[in-house]
C-alpha atoms as a PDB file:
ATOM      1  CA  MET A   1      97.077  57.423 126.605  1.00  0.00           C
ATOM      2  CA  SER A   2     100.723  55.786 128.198  1.00  0.00           C
ATOM      3  CA  ALA A   3     101.261  55.652 131.950  1.00  0.00           C
ATOM      4  CA  GLY A   4     102.637  59.137 132.967  1.00  0.00           C
ATOM      5  CA  VAL A   5     102.267  61.306 129.729  1.00  0.00           C
ATOM      6  CA  PRO A   6      99.573  64.259 130.886  1.00  0.00           C
ATOM      7  CA  ASN A   7      96.358  64.399 129.049  1.00  0.00           C
ATOM      8  CA  ARG A   8      95.773  67.734 127.701  1.00  0.00           C
ATOM      9  CA  PHE A   9      91.857  67.339 128.674  1.00  0.00           C
ATOM     10  CA  SER A  10      92.390  67.064 132.291  1.00  0.00           C
ATOM     11  CA  GLY A  11      91.163  70.882 133.036  1.00  0.00           C
ATOM     12  CA  ILE A  12      88.873  70.061 130.834  1.00  0.00           C
ATOM     13  CA  ARG A  13      86.709  66.666 132.481  1.00  0.00           C
ATOM     14  CA  SER A  14      85.886  68.319 135.890  1.00  0.00           C
ATOM     15  CA  ILE A  15      84.127  71.032 134.107  1.00  0.00           C
ATOM     16  CA  ALA A  16      82.745  69.536 130.233  1.00  0.00           C
ATOM     17  CA  PRO A  17      82.667  65.599 129.862  1.00  0.00           C
ATOM     18  CA  SER A  18      81.259  65.705 126.449  1.00  0.00           C
ATOM     19  CA  LEU A  19      84.525  67.505 125.044  1.00  0.00           C
ATOM     20  CA  ALA A  20      87.275  65.361 126.518  1.00  0.00           C
ATOM     21  CA  GLY A  21      86.493  62.705 124.135  1.00  0.00           C
ATOM     22  CA  HIS A  22      87.926  65.043 121.719  1.00  0.00           C
ATOM     23  CA  ALA A  23      90.736  64.923 120.033  1.00  0.00           C
ATOM     24  CA  PHE A  24      91.187  68.598 118.897  1.00  0.00           C
ATOM     25  CA  PRO A  25      91.431  70.069 116.033  1.00  0.00           C
ATOM     26  CA  LEU A  26      87.732  69.196 115.605  1.00  0.00           C
ATOM     27  CA  ILE A  27      88.193  68.885 111.966  1.00  0.00           C
ATOM     28  CA  SER A  28      90.159  67.998 109.278  1.00  0.00           C
ATOM     29  CA  ALA A  29      90.866  69.495 106.300  1.00  0.00           C
ATOM     30  CA  GLU A  30      88.218  67.852 104.276  1.00  0.00           C
ATOM     31  CA  GLY A  31      85.727  68.655 107.602  1.00  0.00           C
ATOM     32  CA  SER A  32      85.792  64.273 108.142  1.00  0.00           C
ATOM     33  CA  LEU A  33      84.656  64.281 111.758  1.00  0.00           C
ATOM     34  CA  ILE A  34      81.934  66.919 111.059  1.00  0.00           C
ATOM     35  CA  GLU A  35      80.393  64.498 108.046  1.00  0.00           C
ATOM     36  CA  GLN A  36      80.543  61.706 110.965  1.00  0.00           C
ATOM     37  CA  ASP A  37      78.806  63.614 113.247  1.00  0.00           C
ATOM     38  CA  LEU A  38      75.989  64.569 110.811  1.00  0.00           C
ATOM     39  CA  ALA A  39      75.619  60.998 109.567  1.00  0.00           C
ATOM     40  CA  MET A  40      75.087  60.048 113.547  1.00  0.00           C
ATOM     41  CA  VAL A  41      72.756  62.899 114.022  1.00  0.00           C
ATOM     42  CA  GLU A  42      71.618  62.074 110.725  1.00  0.00           C
ATOM     43  CA  GLN A  43      70.888  59.029 111.762  1.00  0.00           C
ATOM     44  CA  HIS A  44      69.077  59.771 115.727  1.00  0.00           C
ATOM     45  CA  VAL A  45      66.487  62.069 112.837  1.00  0.00           C
ATOM     46  CA  THR A  46      65.425  59.169 111.306  1.00  0.00           C
ATOM     47  CA  LEU A  47      64.767  57.275 114.367  1.00  0.00           C
ATOM     48  CA  GLY A  48      63.503  59.450 116.168  1.00  0.00           C
ATOM     49  CA  LEU A  49      60.293  60.313 113.247  1.00  0.00           C
ATOM     50  CA  LEU A  50      60.200  56.510 113.525  1.00  0.00           C
ATOM     51  CA  HIS A  51      59.344  56.975 117.752  1.00  0.00           C
ATOM     52  CA  ILE A  52      57.082  59.798 116.676  1.00  0.00           C
ATOM     53  CA  GLU A  53      55.538  57.191 114.245  1.00  0.00           C
ATOM     54  CA  ARG A  54      55.027  54.968 116.477  1.00  0.00           C
ATOM     55  CA  GLN A  55      53.781  56.983 119.740  1.00  0.00           C
ATOM     56  CA  VAL A  56      50.894  58.112 117.051  1.00  0.00           C
ATOM     57  CA  GLN A  57      49.666  54.447 116.819  1.00  0.00           C
ATOM     58  CA  ILE A  58      50.471  53.626 120.324  1.00  0.00           C
ATOM     59  CA  ILE A  59      47.770  56.316 121.446  1.00  0.00           C
ATOM     60  CA  ALA A  60      45.228  55.824 118.793  1.00  0.00           C
ATOM     61  CA  THR A  61      45.094  52.323 119.685  1.00  0.00           C
ATOM     62  CA  LEU A  62      45.400  53.674 123.376  1.00  0.00           C
ATOM     63  CA  LYS A  63      42.213  55.544 123.149  1.00  0.00           C
ATOM     64  CA  ARG A  64      39.759  53.044 120.462  1.00  0.00           C
ATOM     65  CA  GLN A  65      40.231  50.678 123.685  1.00  0.00           C
ATOM     66  CA  GLY A  66      38.891  53.396 126.448  1.00  0.00           C
ATOM     67  CA  HIS A  67      42.220  53.079 127.921  1.00  0.00           C
ATOM     68  CA  PHE A  68      42.657  57.570 128.927  1.00  0.00           C
ATOM     69  CA  ALA A  69      44.699  57.492 132.105  1.00  0.00           C
ATOM     70  CA  ALA A  70      47.540  55.853 129.579  1.00  0.00           C
ATOM     71  CA  GLU A  71      46.784  57.499 126.572  1.00  0.00           C
ATOM     72  CA  ALA A  72      47.245  60.638 128.558  1.00  0.00           C
ATOM     73  CA  GLN A  73      50.270  59.178 129.418  1.00  0.00           C
ATOM     74  CA  ALA A  74      51.575  58.225 125.841  1.00  0.00           C
ATOM     75  CA  ALA A  75      50.233  61.388 124.878  1.00  0.00           C
ATOM     76  CA  ARG A  76      52.993  63.696 126.813  1.00  0.00           C
ATOM     77  CA  ILE A  77      55.877  61.010 125.938  1.00  0.00           C
ATOM     78  CA  LEU A  78      55.106  62.445 122.027  1.00  0.00           C
ATOM     79  CA  VAL A  79      55.894  65.257 123.183  1.00  0.00           C
ATOM     80  CA  THR A  80      59.061  65.088 124.761  1.00  0.00           C
ATOM     81  CA  PHE A  81      59.607  62.605 120.969  1.00  0.00           C
ATOM     82  CA  GLU A  82      58.578  66.111 119.509  1.00  0.00           C
ATOM     83  CA  GLU A  83      60.752  68.093 121.080  1.00  0.00           C
ATOM     84  CA  MET A  84      63.677  65.778 121.423  1.00  0.00           C
ATOM     85  CA  GLN A  85      63.066  65.550 117.410  1.00  0.00           C
ATOM     86  CA  VAL A  86      63.438  69.395 116.916  1.00  0.00           C
ATOM     87  CA  GLU A  87      66.962  69.227 118.891  1.00  0.00           C
ATOM     88  CA  HIS A  88      67.703  66.509 116.474  1.00  0.00           C
ATOM     89  CA  GLU A  89      66.739  68.652 113.458  1.00  0.00           C
ATOM     90  CA  VAL A  90      68.383  71.537 114.956  1.00  0.00           C
ATOM     91  CA  HIS A  91      71.906  70.138 115.587  1.00  0.00           C
ATOM     92  CA  ARG A  92      71.958  67.753 112.007  1.00  0.00           C
ATOM     93  CA  ASP A  93      71.756  71.442 110.154  1.00  0.00           C
ATOM     94  CA  ARG A  94      73.863  73.373 112.046  1.00  0.00           C
ATOM     95  CA  LEU A  95      76.453  70.269 111.778  1.00  0.00           C
ATOM     96  CA  TRP A  96      75.668  70.480 107.807  1.00  0.00           C
ATOM     97  CA  ARG A  97      76.110  74.799 107.945  1.00  0.00           C
ATOM     98  CA  LYS A  98      79.466  73.867 109.695  1.00  0.00           C
ATOM     99  CA  LEU A  99      80.015  71.353 107.172  1.00  0.00           C
ATOM    100  CA  GLN A 100      79.504  73.574 103.973  1.00  0.00           C
ATOM    101  CA  GLU A 101      81.476  76.659 106.211  1.00  0.00           C
ATOM    102  CA  THR A 102      84.007  74.343 106.577  1.00  0.00           C
ATOM    103  CA  LYS A 103      84.272  73.135 102.771  1.00  0.00           C
ATOM    104  CA  GLN A 104      84.172  76.367 101.605  1.00  0.00           C
ATOM    105  CA  GLY A 105      87.237  77.121 104.056  1.00  0.00           C
ATOM    106  CA  GLY A 106      85.812  78.325 107.162  1.00  0.00           C
ATOM    107  CA  VAL A 107      86.903  77.755 110.796  1.00  0.00           C
ATOM    108  CA  TRP A 108      84.604  75.802 113.217  1.00  0.00           C
ATOM    109  CA  PRO A 109      84.142  77.656 116.634  1.00  0.00           C
END
């Protein structure tokens, strides 16, 4: 943005920083921004599954080695990973629905 040009998001930055980076409209006619977000979230879902799988392996190793306190801590971390995975999947499903609505002439809320 050039000097002297007002930022149309200046009022938003203080209350919703996550919206400040978006250029409106949020979608193009093809829904390309939604498609980009969907691709990113798909990567998060895939990476989350890998993290969960690895954490399960870590827990099994700690248990076999008798590191019970570390095992309990690793189990708590696994719960966090699983909760985040649900959030990623919900986000992915929401974006998928929005993309379908957009392609059928719907409007982003």
